Amino acid sequence: MVQNTTRKLLWFIAIWCASVTILGIVAYAIKLVVL
């Protein structure tokens, strides 16, 4: 049970980090285009 919860937590962290990274790259690209 604990292992399953930990696995879900790791997946959540991994997806969250990926989303933040993608948003950062998109924001950086938009900044380059605008400026």
PDB file of N, CA and C in Angstrom:
ATOM      1  N   MET A   1       0.845  -1.202   0.000  1.00  0.00           N
ATOM      2  CA  MET A   1       0.000   0.000   0.000  1.00  0.00           C
ATOM      3  C   MET A   1       0.879   1.251   0.000  1.00  0.00           C
ATOM      4  N   VAL A   2       1.870   1.254   0.879  1.00  0.00           N
ATOM      5  CA  VAL A   2       2.758   2.413   0.968  1.00  0.00           C
ATOM      6  C   VAL A   2       3.551   2.576  -0.325  1.00  0.00           C
ATOM      7  N   GLN A   3       3.977   1.430  -0.878  1.00  0.00           N
ATOM      8  CA  GLN A   3       4.770   1.472  -2.106  1.00  0.00           C
ATOM      9  C   GLN A   3       3.944   2.052  -3.256  1.00  0.00           C
ATOM     10  N   ASN A   4       2.667   1.677  -3.314  1.00  0.00           N
ATOM     11  CA  ASN A   4       1.786   2.172  -4.370  1.00  0.00           C
ATOM     12  C   ASN A   4       1.616   3.685  -4.253  1.00  0.00           C
ATOM     13  N   THR A   5       1.432   4.170  -3.022  1.00  0.00           N
ATOM     14  CA  THR A   5       1.273   5.610  -2.794  1.00  0.00           C
ATOM     15  C   THR A   5       2.539   6.350  -3.184  1.00  0.00           C
ATOM     16  N   THR A   6       3.690   5.776  -2.837  1.00  0.00           N
ATOM     17  CA  THR A   6       4.970   6.407  -3.171  1.00  0.00           C
ATOM     18  C   THR A   6       5.141   6.485  -4.676  1.00  0.00           C
ATOM     19  N   ARG A   7       4.741   5.425  -5.373  1.00  0.00           N
ATOM     20  CA  ARG A   7       4.865   5.401  -6.830  1.00  0.00           C
ATOM     21  C   ARG A   7       3.989   6.490  -7.455  1.00  0.00           C
ATOM     22  N   LYS A   8       2.774   6.648  -6.935  1.00  0.00           N
ATOM     23  CA  LYS A   8       1.887   7.694  -7.448  1.00  0.00           C
ATOM     24  C   LYS A   8       2.497   9.066  -7.190  1.00  0.00           C
ATOM     25  N   LEU A   9       3.096   9.239  -6.015  1.00  0.00           N
ATOM     26  CA  LEU A   9       3.708  10.519  -5.663  1.00  0.00           C
ATOM     27  C   LEU A   9       4.872  10.823  -6.598  1.00  0.00           C
ATOM     28  N   LEU A  10       5.681   9.797  -6.894  1.00  0.00           N
ATOM     29  CA  LEU A  10       6.814   9.989  -7.802  1.00  0.00           C
ATOM     30  C   LEU A  10       6.324  10.367  -9.196  1.00  0.00           C
ATOM     31  N   TRP A  11       5.252   9.712  -9.653  1.00  0.00           N
ATOM     32  CA  TRP A  11       4.682  10.043 -10.968  1.00  0.00           C
ATOM     33  C   TRP A  11       4.186  11.474 -10.980  1.00  0.00           C
ATOM     34  N   PHE A  12       3.519  11.888  -9.899  1.00  0.00           N
ATOM     35  CA  PHE A  12       2.998  13.253  -9.800  1.00  0.00           C
ATOM     36  C   PHE A  12       4.135  14.263  -9.869  1.00  0.00           C
ATOM     37  N   ILE A  13       5.223  13.999  -9.134  1.00  0.00           N
ATOM     38  CA  ILE A  13       6.382  14.899  -9.137  1.00  0.00           C
ATOM     39  C   ILE A  13       7.018  14.952 -10.522  1.00  0.00           C
ATOM     40  N   ALA A  14       7.149  13.793 -11.160  1.00  0.00           N
ATOM     41  CA  ALA A  14       7.779  13.739 -12.488  1.00  0.00           C
ATOM     42  C   ALA A  14       6.961  14.529 -13.509  1.00  0.00           C
ATOM     43  N   ILE A  15       5.637  14.347 -13.490  1.00  0.00           N
ATOM     44  CA  ILE A  15       4.767  15.056 -14.431  1.00  0.00           C
ATOM     45  C   ILE A  15       4.792  16.555 -14.140  1.00  0.00           C
ATOM     46  N   TRP A  16       4.797  16.922 -12.858  1.00  0.00           N
ATOM     47  CA  TRP A  16       4.815  18.334 -12.474  1.00  0.00           C
ATOM     48  C   TRP A  16       6.101  18.997 -12.947  1.00  0.00           C
ATOM     49  N   CYS A  17       7.234  18.325 -12.742  1.00  0.00           N
ATOM     50  CA  CYS A  17       8.525  18.870 -13.174  1.00  0.00           C
ATOM     51  C   CYS A  17       8.550  19.031 -14.688  1.00  0.00           C
ATOM     52  N   ALA A  18       8.025  18.044 -15.402  1.00  0.00           N
ATOM     53  CA  ALA A  18       8.005  18.112 -16.868  1.00  0.00           C
ATOM     54  C   ALA A  18       7.138  19.283 -17.326  1.00  0.00           C
ATOM     55  N   SER A  19       5.995  19.475 -16.686  1.00  0.00           N
ATOM     56  CA  SER A  19       5.101  20.571 -17.061  1.00  0.00           C
ATOM     57  C   SER A  19       5.772  21.918 -16.828  1.00  0.00           C
ATOM     58  N   VAL A  20       6.435  22.068 -15.680  1.00  0.00           N
ATOM     59  CA  VAL A  20       7.123  23.323 -15.363  1.00  0.00           C
ATOM     60  C   VAL A  20       8.235  23.585 -16.368  1.00  0.00           C
ATOM     61  N   THR A  21       8.979  22.533 -16.719  1.00  0.00           N
ATOM     62  CA  THR A  21      10.074  22.682 -17.680  1.00  0.00           C
ATOM     63  C   THR A  21       9.542  23.117 -19.040  1.00  0.00           C
ATOM     64  N   ILE A  22       8.455  22.473 -19.496  1.00  0.00           N
ATOM     65  CA  ILE A  22       7.869  22.814 -20.796  1.00  0.00           C
ATOM     66  C   ILE A  22       7.350  24.252 -20.775  1.00  0.00           C
ATOM     67  N   LEU A  23       6.691  24.635 -19.685  1.00  0.00           N
ATOM     68  CA  LEU A  23       6.179  26.002 -19.583  1.00  0.00           C
ATOM     69  C   LEU A  23       7.328  26.998 -19.615  1.00  0.00           C
ATOM     70  N   GLY A  24       8.435  26.664 -18.948  1.00  0.00           N
ATOM     71  CA  GLY A  24       9.603  27.540 -18.938  1.00  0.00           C
ATOM     72  C   GLY A  24      10.183  27.710 -20.331  1.00  0.00           C
ATOM     73  N   ILE A  25      10.288  26.611 -21.066  1.00  0.00           N
ATOM     74  CA  ILE A  25      10.835  26.663 -22.428  1.00  0.00           C
ATOM     75  C   ILE A  25       9.921  27.489 -23.331  1.00  0.00           C
ATOM     76  N   VAL A  26       8.614  27.281 -23.221  1.00  0.00           N
ATOM     77  CA  VAL A  26       7.654  28.030 -24.038  1.00  0.00           C
ATOM     78  C   VAL A  26       7.732  29.519 -23.708  1.00  0.00           C
ATOM     79  N   ALA A  27       7.787  29.846 -22.423  1.00  0.00           N
ATOM     80  CA  ALA A  27       7.872  31.249 -22.012  1.00  0.00           C
ATOM     81  C   ALA A  27       9.156  31.879 -22.539  1.00  0.00           C
ATOM     82  N   TYR A  28      10.260  31.140 -22.491  1.00  0.00           N
ATOM     83  CA  TYR A  28      11.543  31.635 -22.980  1.00  0.00           C
ATOM     84  C   TYR A  28      11.479  31.875 -24.482  1.00  0.00           C
ATOM     85  N   ALA A  29      10.862  30.947 -25.215  1.00  0.00           N
ATOM     86  CA  ALA A  29      10.738  31.084 -26.670  1.00  0.00           C
ATOM     87  C   ALA A  29       9.880  32.301 -27.020  1.00  0.00           C
ATOM     88  N   ILE A  30       8.772  32.483 -26.308  1.00  0.00           N
ATOM     89  CA  ILE A  30       7.899  33.636 -26.555  1.00  0.00           C
ATOM     90  C   ILE A  30       8.662  34.931 -26.275  1.00  0.00           C
ATOM     91  N   LYS A  31       9.454  34.940 -25.200  1.00  0.00           N
ATOM     92  CA  LYS A  31      10.232  36.123 -24.850  1.00  0.00           C
ATOM     93  C   LYS A  31      11.228  36.447 -25.959  1.00  0.00           C
ATOM     94  N   LEU A  32      11.860  35.406 -26.521  1.00  0.00           N
ATOM     95  CA  LEU A  32      12.818  35.624 -27.610  1.00  0.00           C
ATOM     96  C   LEU A  32      12.116  36.196 -28.831  1.00  0.00           C
ATOM     97  N   VAL A  33      10.928  35.665 -29.141  1.00  0.00           N
ATOM     98  CA  VAL A  33      10.192  36.123 -30.325  1.00  0.00           C
ATOM     99  C   VAL A  33       9.721  37.565 -30.134  1.00  0.00           C
ATOM    100  N   VAL A  34       9.198  37.863 -28.948  1.00  0.00           N
ATOM    101  CA  VAL A  34       8.676  39.208 -28.683  1.00  0.00           C
ATOM    102  C   VAL A  34       9.811  40.226 -28.660  1.00  0.00           C
ATOM    103  N   LEU A  35      10.902  39.880 -27.991  1.00  0.00           N
ATOM    104  CA  LEU A  35      12.044  40.790 -27.925  1.00  0.00           C
ATOM    105  C   LEU A  35      12.946  40.533 -29.114  1.00  0.00           C
TER     106      LEU A  35
END
